[in-house]
């Protein structure tokens, strides 16, 4: 089989690095081009020294026409607002796209524009773009021209919550999601809040009550389960490089710890990366992998769900490669650990 030719747009960030790193172990796909306005003309390995001797390509300026000639799929690692216009150009030139931004994740353009405070440049595709979570949307992903790669925090909440809501095992309201992320989730750009002296030996909440992943969680849970939810989501920054741990407090209907575990095991029995485990998950257990670990404990009238993922892998670049595998008819595990 001819190798899948992958192009990376916005090649200087952590998610781009993770895509390039993971694809070194993929025997059916390879990175053939990468773009950046600020670093065009430089070697990708100069921007990401860990790729030296493994991915020796030159960064170029973006051209949709050139991408169409060189690539089968684009990994678009641009921020929200900037991504949609580029994605539109690629699709118009026949390139399939996995978009890392939030520009196509939500079902409603008004919700997007209210939460992201920008006018969407391609509103016609909002609500008609498949969400890139193969555990729920694999059939739609196979033939998609655009896949909206999930957000990292939403992945850690949607996967444990949705099967339980589908089965009617938990109440739809009063869901509390307490999530903690490594600093790489804030991106590679220099910001005061993510400087070493600000994050080391510290943990802090941020975007309390207004984080943009809240509507994504609500939207996708309802899209899959058919049930609207009321949840309170609070993210925290923790002094580690990578990983997300979400602790989710729910009210069971008549569910027990055993019935919740059985529900997860049945729903994800054919999912290579999602695991209901007896121990309490830790970010260490999934670091550097595309795997998800979930467990549950009982506390009075509440059940406490604990989910661990790697924010750069299953929360971003690993999920993108999993989506690419589905799009091109490969085993979902190809190139992933």
C-alpha atoms as a PDB file:
ATOM      1  CA  UNK A   1       0.000   0.000   0.000  1.00  0.00           C
ATOM      2  CA  UNK A   2       1.214   3.490  -0.874  1.00  0.00           C
ATOM      3  CA  UNK A   3       2.099   5.510   2.228  1.00  0.00           C
ATOM      4  CA  UNK A   4      -0.359   8.200   3.334  1.00  0.00           C
ATOM      5  CA  UNK A   5       1.248  11.589   2.738  1.00  0.00           C
ATOM      6  CA  UNK A   6       0.697  13.848   5.749  1.00  0.00           C
ATOM      7  CA  UNK A   7       1.154  17.615   5.827  1.00  0.00           C
ATOM      8  CA  UNK A   8       1.281  19.607   9.067  1.00  0.00           C
ATOM      9  CA  UNK A   9      -0.023  23.180   9.110  1.00  0.00           C
ATOM     10  CA  UNK A  10       1.202  25.319  11.990  1.00  0.00           C
ATOM     11  CA  UNK A  11       4.230  23.139  12.619  1.00  0.00           C
ATOM     12  CA  UNK A  12       5.858  24.901  15.564  1.00  0.00           C
ATOM     13  CA  UNK A  13       3.604  23.867  18.472  1.00  0.00           C
ATOM     14  CA  UNK A  14       3.522  20.861  20.775  1.00  0.00           C
ATOM     15  CA  UNK A  15       0.678  19.104  18.927  1.00  0.00           C
ATOM     16  CA  UNK A  16       2.571  19.390  15.631  1.00  0.00           C
ATOM     17  CA  UNK A  17       5.676  17.958  17.267  1.00  0.00           C
ATOM     18  CA  UNK A  18       3.637  15.089  18.693  1.00  0.00           C
ATOM     19  CA  UNK A  19       2.128  14.304  15.274  1.00  0.00           C
ATOM     20  CA  UNK A  20       5.574  14.235  13.675  1.00  0.00           C
ATOM     21  CA  UNK A  21       7.005  12.159  16.523  1.00  0.00           C
ATOM     22  CA  UNK A  22       4.216   9.571  16.470  1.00  0.00           C
ATOM     23  CA  UNK A  23       4.306   9.222  12.699  1.00  0.00           C
ATOM     24  CA  UNK A  24       7.938   8.099  12.881  1.00  0.00           C
ATOM     25  CA  UNK A  25       6.556   4.776  14.156  1.00  0.00           C
ATOM     26  CA  UNK A  26       3.753   4.564  11.546  1.00  0.00           C
ATOM     27  CA  UNK A  27       4.710   2.228   8.717  1.00  0.00           C
ATOM     28  CA  UNK A  28       1.868   3.364   6.454  1.00  0.00           C
ATOM     29  CA  UNK A  29       2.084   7.164   6.777  1.00  0.00           C
ATOM     30  CA  UNK A  30       4.782   9.823   6.818  1.00  0.00           C
ATOM     31  CA  UNK A  31       5.155  13.584   7.128  1.00  0.00           C
ATOM     32  CA  UNK A  32       6.008  15.090   3.737  1.00  0.00           C
ATOM     33  CA  UNK A  33       5.590  18.815   4.396  1.00  0.00           C
ATOM     34  CA  UNK A  34       5.088  21.295   7.229  1.00  0.00           C
ATOM     35  CA  UNK A  35       4.163  24.977   7.237  1.00  0.00           C
ATOM     36  CA  UNK A  36       4.738  28.034   9.379  1.00  0.00           C
ATOM     37  CA  UNK A  37       4.686  31.699   8.469  1.00  0.00           C
ATOM     38  CA  UNK A  38       7.289  32.663  11.059  1.00  0.00           C
ATOM     39  CA  UNK A  39       9.721  29.781  10.430  1.00  0.00           C
ATOM     40  CA  UNK A  40       9.470  29.182   6.669  1.00  0.00           C
ATOM     41  CA  UNK A  41      12.844  28.188   5.267  1.00  0.00           C
ATOM     42  CA  UNK A  42      14.034  26.582   8.495  1.00  0.00           C
ATOM     43  CA  UNK A  43      14.393  22.867   9.100  1.00  0.00           C
ATOM     44  CA  UNK A  44      11.574  21.307  11.135  1.00  0.00           C
ATOM     45  CA  UNK A  45      14.279  19.724  13.286  1.00  0.00           C
ATOM     46  CA  UNK A  46      15.652  23.183  14.116  1.00  0.00           C
ATOM     47  CA  UNK A  47      12.265  24.173  15.592  1.00  0.00           C
ATOM     48  CA  UNK A  48      11.873  20.725  17.204  1.00  0.00           C
ATOM     49  CA  UNK A  49      15.409  19.392  17.888  1.00  0.00           C
ATOM     50  CA  UNK A  50      14.087  16.012  19.039  1.00  0.00           C
ATOM     51  CA  UNK A  51      13.209  15.289  15.388  1.00  0.00           C
ATOM     52  CA  UNK A  52      16.840  15.650  14.231  1.00  0.00           C
ATOM     53  CA  UNK A  53      17.820  12.769  11.975  1.00  0.00           C
ATOM     54  CA  UNK A  54      14.252  11.445  11.961  1.00  0.00           C
ATOM     55  CA  UNK A  55      12.141  14.032  10.153  1.00  0.00           C
ATOM     56  CA  UNK A  56      14.492  16.188   8.108  1.00  0.00           C
ATOM     57  CA  UNK A  57      12.109  18.338   6.091  1.00  0.00           C
ATOM     58  CA  UNK A  58      12.057  22.078   5.528  1.00  0.00           C
ATOM     59  CA  UNK A  59       9.237  24.268   6.803  1.00  0.00           C
ATOM     60  CA  UNK A  60       7.488  26.145   3.993  1.00  0.00           C
ATOM     61  CA  UNK A  61       4.820  28.816   3.643  1.00  0.00           C
ATOM     62  CA  UNK A  62       1.274  27.557   3.258  1.00  0.00           C
ATOM     63  CA  UNK A  63      -0.202  27.073  -0.210  1.00  0.00           C
ATOM     64  CA  UNK A  64      -3.409  25.100  -0.683  1.00  0.00           C
ATOM     65  CA  UNK A  65      -2.436  24.300  -4.264  1.00  0.00           C
ATOM     66  CA  UNK A  66       0.916  22.852  -3.200  1.00  0.00           C
ATOM     67  CA  UNK A  67      -0.695  20.899  -0.386  1.00  0.00           C
ATOM     68  CA  UNK A  68      -3.147  19.339  -2.836  1.00  0.00           C
ATOM     69  CA  UNK A  69      -0.234  18.177  -4.988  1.00  0.00           C
ATOM     70  CA  UNK A  70       1.838  16.792  -2.135  1.00  0.00           C
ATOM     71  CA  UNK A  71      -0.557  15.535   0.551  1.00  0.00           C
ATOM     72  CA  UNK A  72      -3.392  13.101   1.116  1.00  0.00           C
ATOM     73  CA  UNK A  73      -4.345  14.564   4.485  1.00  0.00           C
ATOM     74  CA  UNK A  74      -3.577  17.747   6.404  1.00  0.00           C
ATOM     75  CA  UNK A  75      -3.127  17.958  10.145  1.00  0.00           C
ATOM     76  CA  UNK A  76      -4.199  21.555  10.804  1.00  0.00           C
ATOM     77  CA  UNK A  77      -2.673  22.689  14.102  1.00  0.00           C
ATOM     78  CA  UNK A  78      -3.761  26.322  13.901  1.00  0.00           C
ATOM     79  CA  UNK A  79      -5.714  28.082  16.697  1.00  0.00           C
ATOM     80  CA  UNK A  80      -9.455  28.691  16.558  1.00  0.00           C
ATOM     81  CA  UNK A  81     -10.537  31.461  14.239  1.00  0.00           C
ATOM     82  CA  UNK A  82      -7.379  31.165  12.142  1.00  0.00           C
ATOM     83  CA  UNK A  83      -8.008  27.538  11.253  1.00  0.00           C
ATOM     84  CA  UNK A  84     -11.385  27.561   9.484  1.00  0.00           C
ATOM     85  CA  UNK A  85     -10.320  29.716   6.554  1.00  0.00           C
ATOM     86  CA  UNK A  86      -7.290  27.507   5.912  1.00  0.00           C
ATOM     87  CA  UNK A  87      -9.392  24.353   6.207  1.00  0.00           C
ATOM     88  CA  UNK A  88     -11.868  25.751   3.683  1.00  0.00           C
ATOM     89  CA  UNK A  89      -9.079  26.354   1.164  1.00  0.00           C
ATOM     90  CA  UNK A  90      -7.739  22.830   1.623  1.00  0.00           C
ATOM     91  CA  UNK A  91     -11.123  21.174   1.205  1.00  0.00           C
ATOM     92  CA  UNK A  92     -11.808  23.211  -1.928  1.00  0.00           C
ATOM     93  CA  UNK A  93      -8.559  21.808  -3.346  1.00  0.00           C
ATOM     94  CA  UNK A  94      -9.518  18.226  -2.494  1.00  0.00           C
ATOM     95  CA  UNK A  95      -7.380  17.724   0.602  1.00  0.00           C
ATOM     96  CA  UNK A  96      -8.885  15.843   3.532  1.00  0.00           C
ATOM     97  CA  UNK A  97      -8.327  17.655   6.838  1.00  0.00           C
ATOM     98  CA  UNK A  98      -8.090  16.800  10.512  1.00  0.00           C
ATOM     99  CA  UNK A  99      -8.598  20.116  12.288  1.00  0.00           C
ATOM    100  CA  UNK A 100      -7.144  20.551  15.774  1.00  0.00           C
ATOM    101  CA  UNK A 101      -8.991  23.800  16.488  1.00  0.00           C
ATOM    102  CA  UNK A 102     -12.486  24.226  17.885  1.00  0.00           C
ATOM    103  CA  UNK A 103     -13.773  25.800  14.660  1.00  0.00           C
ATOM    104  CA  UNK A 104     -15.873  22.815  13.572  1.00  0.00           C
ATOM    105  CA  UNK A 105     -16.541  20.917  16.800  1.00  0.00           C
ATOM    106  CA  UNK A 106     -19.837  22.476  17.864  1.00  0.00           C
ATOM    107  CA  UNK A 107     -23.308  21.963  16.422  1.00  0.00           C
ATOM    108  CA  UNK A 108     -24.386  25.598  16.418  1.00  0.00           C
ATOM    109  CA  UNK A 109     -22.552  28.595  14.974  1.00  0.00           C
ATOM    110  CA  UNK A 110     -24.207  31.009  17.418  1.00  0.00           C
ATOM    111  CA  UNK A 111     -22.838  29.026  20.361  1.00  0.00           C
ATOM    112  CA  UNK A 112     -19.398  29.027  18.749  1.00  0.00           C
ATOM    113  CA  UNK A 113     -19.384  32.772  18.131  1.00  0.00           C
ATOM    114  CA  UNK A 114     -20.653  33.539  21.640  1.00  0.00           C
ATOM    115  CA  UNK A 115     -18.023  31.424  23.396  1.00  0.00           C
ATOM    116  CA  UNK A 116     -15.085  32.127  21.075  1.00  0.00           C
ATOM    117  CA  UNK A 117     -15.966  35.773  20.422  1.00  0.00           C
ATOM    118  CA  UNK A 118     -15.096  35.652  16.714  1.00  0.00           C
ATOM    119  CA  UNK A 119     -17.194  35.539  13.565  1.00  0.00           C
ATOM    120  CA  UNK A 120     -16.916  32.128  11.941  1.00  0.00           C
ATOM    121  CA  UNK A 121     -15.469  32.374   8.406  1.00  0.00           C
ATOM    122  CA  UNK A 122     -17.216  29.204   7.171  1.00  0.00           C
ATOM    123  CA  UNK A 123     -20.446  28.898   9.157  1.00  0.00           C
ATOM    124  CA  UNK A 124     -22.042  26.514   6.651  1.00  0.00           C
ATOM    125  CA  UNK A 125     -19.834  23.692   7.926  1.00  0.00           C
ATOM    126  CA  UNK A 126     -20.613  24.207  11.601  1.00  0.00           C
ATOM    127  CA  UNK A 127     -22.967  21.421  12.637  1.00  0.00           C
ATOM    128  CA  UNK A 128     -22.244  19.339   9.532  1.00  0.00           C
ATOM    129  CA  UNK A 129     -18.664  18.309  10.369  1.00  0.00           C
ATOM    130  CA  UNK A 130     -18.023  14.965  12.007  1.00  0.00           C
ATOM    131  CA  UNK A 131     -16.574  14.998  15.515  1.00  0.00           C
ATOM    132  CA  UNK A 132     -13.329  13.043  15.630  1.00  0.00           C
ATOM    133  CA  UNK A 133     -14.001  10.479  18.322  1.00  0.00           C
ATOM    134  CA  UNK A 134     -13.947   7.042  16.612  1.00  0.00           C
ATOM    135  CA  UNK A 135     -15.383   5.384  19.710  1.00  0.00           C
ATOM    136  CA  UNK A 136     -18.700   7.024  18.748  1.00  0.00           C
ATOM    137  CA  UNK A 137     -18.381   8.351  15.179  1.00  0.00           C
ATOM    138  CA  UNK A 138     -16.164   5.918  13.247  1.00  0.00           C
ATOM    139  CA  UNK A 139     -18.713   5.334  10.460  1.00  0.00           C
ATOM    140  CA  UNK A 140     -18.953   9.070   9.726  1.00  0.00           C
ATOM    141  CA  UNK A 141     -15.198   9.607  10.007  1.00  0.00           C
ATOM    142  CA  UNK A 142     -14.409   7.044   7.280  1.00  0.00           C
ATOM    143  CA  UNK A 143     -15.767   9.208   4.455  1.00  0.00           C
ATOM    144  CA  UNK A 144     -15.278  12.667   5.966  1.00  0.00           C
ATOM    145  CA  UNK A 145     -13.519  15.514   4.199  1.00  0.00           C
ATOM    146  CA  UNK A 146     -13.088  17.350   7.531  1.00  0.00           C
ATOM    147  CA  UNK A 147     -12.757  15.776  10.956  1.00  0.00           C
ATOM    148  CA  UNK A 148     -13.029  18.041  13.991  1.00  0.00           C
ATOM    149  CA  UNK A 149     -10.396  16.661  16.346  1.00  0.00           C
ATOM    150  CA  UNK A 150     -11.727  16.699  19.935  1.00  0.00           C
ATOM    151  CA  UNK A 151     -10.568  18.989  22.698  1.00  0.00           C
ATOM    152  CA  UNK A 152      -8.394  17.426  25.389  1.00  0.00           C
ATOM    153  CA  UNK A 153     -10.559  18.181  28.420  1.00  0.00           C
ATOM    154  CA  UNK A 154     -13.772  17.142  26.596  1.00  0.00           C
ATOM    155  CA  UNK A 155     -12.229  13.766  25.706  1.00  0.00           C
ATOM    156  CA  UNK A 156     -11.657  13.032  29.393  1.00  0.00           C
ATOM    157  CA  UNK A 157     -15.301  13.868  30.210  1.00  0.00           C
ATOM    158  CA  UNK A 158     -17.244  12.676  27.152  1.00  0.00           C
ATOM    159  CA  UNK A 159     -15.839   9.145  27.191  1.00  0.00           C
ATOM    160  CA  UNK A 160     -16.818   8.256  30.782  1.00  0.00           C
ATOM    161  CA  UNK A 161     -20.088  10.215  30.884  1.00  0.00           C
ATOM    162  CA  UNK A 162     -21.779   9.347  27.597  1.00  0.00           C
ATOM    163  CA  UNK A 163     -22.312   5.578  28.036  1.00  0.00           C
ATOM    164  CA  UNK A 164     -23.750   6.119  31.520  1.00  0.00           C
ATOM    165  CA  UNK A 165     -26.208   8.735  30.253  1.00  0.00           C
ATOM    166  CA  UNK A 166     -27.160   6.524  27.305  1.00  0.00           C
ATOM    167  CA  UNK A 167     -27.963   3.700  29.709  1.00  0.00           C
ATOM    168  CA  UNK A 168     -29.828   5.959  32.144  1.00  0.00           C
ATOM    169  CA  UNK A 169     -27.475   5.071  34.976  1.00  0.00           C
ATOM    170  CA  UNK A 170     -26.824   8.648  36.127  1.00  0.00           C
ATOM    171  CA  UNK A 171     -28.809  11.862  36.465  1.00  0.00           C
ATOM    172  CA  UNK A 172     -28.493  14.410  33.660  1.00  0.00           C
ATOM    173  CA  UNK A 173     -28.010  17.418  35.913  1.00  0.00           C
ATOM    174  CA  UNK A 174     -25.706  18.393  38.764  1.00  0.00           C
ATOM    175  CA  UNK A 175     -22.631  16.892  37.059  1.00  0.00           C
ATOM    176  CA  UNK A 176     -19.376  18.339  38.391  1.00  0.00           C
ATOM    177  CA  UNK A 177     -16.221  17.939  36.278  1.00  0.00           C
ATOM    178  CA  UNK A 178     -12.954  18.800  38.043  1.00  0.00           C
ATOM    179  CA  UNK A 179     -10.067  18.543  35.559  1.00  0.00           C
ATOM    180  CA  UNK A 180      -6.328  19.004  35.946  1.00  0.00           C
ATOM    181  CA  UNK A 181      -3.970  19.416  32.998  1.00  0.00           C
ATOM    182  CA  UNK A 182      -0.251  19.566  32.361  1.00  0.00           C
ATOM    183  CA  UNK A 183       1.239  22.832  31.155  1.00  0.00           C
ATOM    184  CA  UNK A 184       1.648  21.662  27.544  1.00  0.00           C
ATOM    185  CA  UNK A 185      -2.126  22.039  27.231  1.00  0.00           C
ATOM    186  CA  UNK A 186      -1.605  25.808  27.225  1.00  0.00           C
ATOM    187  CA  UNK A 187       0.508  25.615  24.061  1.00  0.00           C
ATOM    188  CA  UNK A 188       4.088  26.561  23.292  1.00  0.00           C
ATOM    189  CA  UNK A 189       3.732  30.340  23.042  1.00  0.00           C
ATOM    190  CA  UNK A 190       5.322  32.305  25.866  1.00  0.00           C
ATOM    191  CA  UNK A 191       2.772  33.456  28.448  1.00  0.00           C
ATOM    192  CA  UNK A 192       3.320  34.767  31.967  1.00  0.00           C
ATOM    193  CA  UNK A 193       0.846  32.270  33.445  1.00  0.00           C
ATOM    194  CA  UNK A 194       2.821  29.304  32.111  1.00  0.00           C
ATOM    195  CA  UNK A 195       6.343  30.449  32.968  1.00  0.00           C
ATOM    196  CA  UNK A 196       8.320  28.028  35.122  1.00  0.00           C
ATOM    197  CA  UNK A 197       8.264  30.302  38.170  1.00  0.00           C
ATOM    198  CA  UNK A 198       4.487  30.650  37.908  1.00  0.00           C
ATOM    199  CA  UNK A 199       3.653  26.944  37.510  1.00  0.00           C
ATOM    200  CA  UNK A 200       6.338  25.117  39.467  1.00  0.00           C
ATOM    201  CA  UNK A 201       5.225  24.026  42.951  1.00  0.00           C
ATOM    202  CA  UNK A 202       1.745  25.397  42.246  1.00  0.00           C
ATOM    203  CA  UNK A 203      -1.706  24.339  41.148  1.00  0.00           C
ATOM    204  CA  UNK A 204      -4.306  26.852  40.056  1.00  0.00           C
ATOM    205  CA  UNK A 205      -7.839  26.982  38.688  1.00  0.00           C
ATOM    206  CA  UNK A 206      -8.470  29.112  35.617  1.00  0.00           C
ATOM    207  CA  UNK A 207     -11.332  30.137  33.293  1.00  0.00           C
ATOM    208  CA  UNK A 208     -13.691  29.261  36.152  1.00  0.00           C
ATOM    209  CA  UNK A 209     -17.253  29.069  34.864  1.00  0.00           C
ATOM    210  CA  UNK A 210     -16.265  30.259  31.391  1.00  0.00           C
ATOM    211  CA  UNK A 211     -13.915  27.722  29.834  1.00  0.00           C
ATOM    212  CA  UNK A 212     -14.628  27.166  26.131  1.00  0.00           C
ATOM    213  CA  UNK A 213     -14.582  23.383  26.461  1.00  0.00           C
ATOM    214  CA  UNK A 214     -17.777  23.496  28.539  1.00  0.00           C
ATOM    215  CA  UNK A 215     -20.129  23.842  25.519  1.00  0.00           C
ATOM    216  CA  UNK A 216     -18.173  21.151  23.658  1.00  0.00           C
ATOM    217  CA  UNK A 217     -18.741  18.682  26.486  1.00  0.00           C
ATOM    218  CA  UNK A 218     -22.449  19.535  26.655  1.00  0.00           C
ATOM    219  CA  UNK A 219     -22.854  19.406  22.875  1.00  0.00           C
ATOM    220  CA  UNK A 220     -21.155  16.083  22.176  1.00  0.00           C
ATOM    221  CA  UNK A 221     -22.665  14.265  25.144  1.00  0.00           C
ATOM    222  CA  UNK A 222     -26.110  15.294  23.908  1.00  0.00           C
ATOM    223  CA  UNK A 223     -25.236  14.445  20.287  1.00  0.00           C
ATOM    224  CA  UNK A 224     -24.260  10.882  21.248  1.00  0.00           C
ATOM    225  CA  UNK A 225     -26.600  10.086  24.127  1.00  0.00           C
ATOM    226  CA  UNK A 226     -29.589  12.141  23.062  1.00  0.00           C
ATOM    227  CA  UNK A 227     -29.735  13.629  26.552  1.00  0.00           C
ATOM    228  CA  UNK A 228     -28.958  17.199  27.493  1.00  0.00           C
ATOM    229  CA  UNK A 229     -26.840  17.714  30.574  1.00  0.00           C
ATOM    230  CA  UNK A 230     -26.168  20.413  33.111  1.00  0.00           C
ATOM    231  CA  UNK A 231     -22.569  20.308  34.226  1.00  0.00           C
ATOM    232  CA  UNK A 232     -20.114  22.500  36.071  1.00  0.00           C
ATOM    233  CA  UNK A 233     -16.622  22.283  34.564  1.00  0.00           C
ATOM    234  CA  UNK A 234     -13.522  23.698  36.237  1.00  0.00           C
ATOM    235  CA  UNK A 235     -10.017  23.247  34.774  1.00  0.00           C
ATOM    236  CA  UNK A 236      -6.787  23.458  36.744  1.00  0.00           C
ATOM    237  CA  UNK A 237      -3.178  23.910  35.680  1.00  0.00           C
ATOM    238  CA  UNK A 238      -0.746  21.514  37.335  1.00  0.00           C
ATOM    239  CA  UNK A 239       3.092  21.539  37.354  1.00  0.00           C
ATOM    240  CA  UNK A 240       3.649  18.620  34.973  1.00  0.00           C
ATOM    241  CA  UNK A 241       4.468  18.516  31.265  1.00  0.00           C
ATOM    242  CA  UNK A 242       1.544  16.455  30.006  1.00  0.00           C
ATOM    243  CA  UNK A 243      -1.556  14.566  31.067  1.00  0.00           C
ATOM    244  CA  UNK A 244      -5.136  15.207  32.183  1.00  0.00           C
ATOM    245  CA  UNK A 245      -6.930  13.773  35.174  1.00  0.00           C
ATOM    246  CA  UNK A 246     -10.665  14.434  35.359  1.00  0.00           C
ATOM    247  CA  UNK A 247     -12.607  13.661  38.517  1.00  0.00           C
ATOM    248  CA  UNK A 248     -16.329  13.718  37.756  1.00  0.00           C
ATOM    249  CA  UNK A 249     -19.049  13.762  40.407  1.00  0.00           C
ATOM    250  CA  UNK A 250     -22.426  12.362  39.321  1.00  0.00           C
ATOM    251  CA  UNK A 251     -25.665  11.223  40.936  1.00  0.00           C
ATOM    252  CA  UNK A 252     -26.573   7.613  40.056  1.00  0.00           C
ATOM    253  CA  UNK A 253     -30.181   6.674  39.380  1.00  0.00           C
ATOM    254  CA  UNK A 254     -30.041   3.078  40.546  1.00  0.00           C
ATOM    255  CA  UNK A 255     -26.488   2.396  39.394  1.00  0.00           C
ATOM    256  CA  UNK A 256     -23.795   0.732  41.454  1.00  0.00           C
ATOM    257  CA  UNK A 257     -20.041   0.736  41.014  1.00  0.00           C
ATOM    258  CA  UNK A 258     -20.328  -2.695  39.398  1.00  0.00           C
ATOM    259  CA  UNK A 259     -23.066  -1.659  36.959  1.00  0.00           C
ATOM    260  CA  UNK A 260     -21.094   1.429  35.908  1.00  0.00           C
ATOM    261  CA  UNK A 261     -17.987  -0.660  35.263  1.00  0.00           C
ATOM    262  CA  UNK A 262     -20.058  -3.195  33.314  1.00  0.00           C
ATOM    263  CA  UNK A 263     -21.624  -0.412  31.239  1.00  0.00           C
ATOM    264  CA  UNK A 264     -18.204   0.937  30.283  1.00  0.00           C
ATOM    265  CA  UNK A 265     -16.830  -2.523  29.519  1.00  0.00           C
ATOM    266  CA  UNK A 266     -19.741  -3.330  27.235  1.00  0.00           C
ATOM    267  CA  UNK A 267     -19.750   0.053  25.464  1.00  0.00           C
ATOM    268  CA  UNK A 268     -15.998   0.037  24.825  1.00  0.00           C
ATOM    269  CA  UNK A 269     -15.381  -3.684  24.346  1.00  0.00           C
ATOM    270  CA  UNK A 270     -14.335  -3.084  20.724  1.00  0.00           C
ATOM    271  CA  UNK A 271     -12.366   0.094  21.465  1.00  0.00           C
ATOM    272  CA  UNK A 272      -8.650  -0.548  21.537  1.00  0.00           C
ATOM    273  CA  UNK A 273      -7.789   2.504  23.615  1.00  0.00           C
ATOM    274  CA  UNK A 274     -10.514   2.903  26.268  1.00  0.00           C
ATOM    275  CA  UNK A 275     -10.266   0.814  29.422  1.00  0.00           C
ATOM    276  CA  UNK A 276     -12.389   0.480  32.547  1.00  0.00           C
ATOM    277  CA  UNK A 277      -9.859  -0.425  35.248  1.00  0.00           C
ATOM    278  CA  UNK A 278     -10.185  -1.489  38.891  1.00  0.00           C
ATOM    279  CA  UNK A 279      -7.461   0.845  40.177  1.00  0.00           C
ATOM    280  CA  UNK A 280      -7.680   4.631  40.358  1.00  0.00           C
ATOM    281  CA  UNK A 281      -6.129   5.995  37.144  1.00  0.00           C
ATOM    282  CA  UNK A 282      -3.113   8.270  37.145  1.00  0.00           C
ATOM    283  CA  UNK A 283      -1.646  10.391  34.371  1.00  0.00           C
ATOM    284  CA  UNK A 284       1.510   8.295  34.746  1.00  0.00           C
ATOM    285  CA  UNK A 285      -0.437   5.226  33.633  1.00  0.00           C
ATOM    286  CA  UNK A 286      -1.236   6.706  30.208  1.00  0.00           C
ATOM    287  CA  UNK A 287       1.642   9.154  29.594  1.00  0.00           C
ATOM    288  CA  UNK A 288       2.924   9.047  26.025  1.00  0.00           C
ATOM    289  CA  UNK A 289       0.126   6.728  24.887  1.00  0.00           C
ATOM    290  CA  UNK A 290      -3.258   6.988  23.189  1.00  0.00           C
ATOM    291  CA  UNK A 291      -4.919   5.032  25.975  1.00  0.00           C
ATOM    292  CA  UNK A 292      -7.687   6.107  28.341  1.00  0.00           C
ATOM    293  CA  UNK A 293      -8.152   4.686  31.827  1.00  0.00           C
ATOM    294  CA  UNK A 294     -11.430   5.104  33.738  1.00  0.00           C
ATOM    295  CA  UNK A 295     -12.600   3.928  37.118  1.00  0.00           C
ATOM    296  CA  UNK A 296     -15.389   4.661  39.604  1.00  0.00           C
ATOM    297  CA  UNK A 297     -15.911   4.854  43.335  1.00  0.00           C
ATOM    298  CA  UNK A 298     -19.012   5.374  45.444  1.00  0.00           C
ATOM    299  CA  UNK A 299     -19.335   8.184  48.013  1.00  0.00           C
ATOM    300  CA  UNK A 300     -22.711   8.549  49.681  1.00  0.00           C
ATOM    301  CA  UNK A 301     -25.284   9.672  47.137  1.00  0.00           C
ATOM    302  CA  UNK A 302     -22.603  10.322  44.537  1.00  0.00           C
ATOM    303  CA  UNK A 303     -20.524   8.208  42.197  1.00  0.00           C
ATOM    304  CA  UNK A 304     -17.052   9.554  41.476  1.00  0.00           C
ATOM    305  CA  UNK A 305     -15.687   8.854  37.998  1.00  0.00           C
ATOM    306  CA  UNK A 306     -11.943   9.218  37.439  1.00  0.00           C
ATOM    307  CA  UNK A 307     -10.493   9.408  33.921  1.00  0.00           C
ATOM    308  CA  UNK A 308      -6.857   9.816  32.848  1.00  0.00           C
ATOM    309  CA  UNK A 309      -5.558  10.655  29.375  1.00  0.00           C
ATOM    310  CA  UNK A 310      -2.437  12.152  27.832  1.00  0.00           C
ATOM    311  CA  UNK A 311      -3.500  15.604  26.616  1.00  0.00           C
ATOM    312  CA  UNK A 312      -1.017  15.557  23.719  1.00  0.00           C
ATOM    313  CA  UNK A 313      -1.871  12.010  22.630  1.00  0.00           C
ATOM    314  CA  UNK A 314      -5.495  10.921  23.051  1.00  0.00           C
ATOM    315  CA  UNK A 315      -6.268  14.562  23.840  1.00  0.00           C
ATOM    316  CA  UNK A 316      -4.824  15.827  20.531  1.00  0.00           C
ATOM    317  CA  UNK A 317      -2.242  14.284  18.196  1.00  0.00           C
ATOM    318  CA  UNK A 318      -2.813  10.615  19.014  1.00  0.00           C
ATOM    319  CA  UNK A 319      -6.521  11.085  18.424  1.00  0.00           C
ATOM    320  CA  UNK A 320      -5.722  12.767  15.107  1.00  0.00           C
ATOM    321  CA  UNK A 321      -3.669   9.784  13.958  1.00  0.00           C
ATOM    322  CA  UNK A 322      -6.416   7.433  15.148  1.00  0.00           C
ATOM    323  CA  UNK A 323      -8.852   9.473  13.037  1.00  0.00           C
ATOM    324  CA  UNK A 324      -6.491   9.366  10.057  1.00  0.00           C
ATOM    325  CA  UNK A 325      -6.300   5.585  10.362  1.00  0.00           C
ATOM    326  CA  UNK A 326     -10.101   5.364  10.224  1.00  0.00           C
ATOM    327  CA  UNK A 327     -10.292   7.756   7.254  1.00  0.00           C
ATOM    328  CA  UNK A 328      -7.866   5.645   5.223  1.00  0.00           C
ATOM    329  CA  UNK A 329      -9.182   2.214   6.195  1.00  0.00           C
ATOM    330  CA  UNK A 330      -6.320   1.237   8.499  1.00  0.00           C
ATOM    331  CA  UNK A 331      -6.450  -0.424  11.882  1.00  0.00           C
ATOM    332  CA  UNK A 332      -7.124   2.297  14.461  1.00  0.00           C
ATOM    333  CA  UNK A 333      -4.014   1.305  16.411  1.00  0.00           C
ATOM    334  CA  UNK A 334      -1.552   1.799  13.519  1.00  0.00           C
ATOM    335  CA  UNK A 335       1.399   3.901  14.641  1.00  0.00           C
ATOM    336  CA  UNK A 336       0.016   4.286  18.163  1.00  0.00           C
ATOM    337  CA  UNK A 337       0.873   2.764  21.519  1.00  0.00           C
END
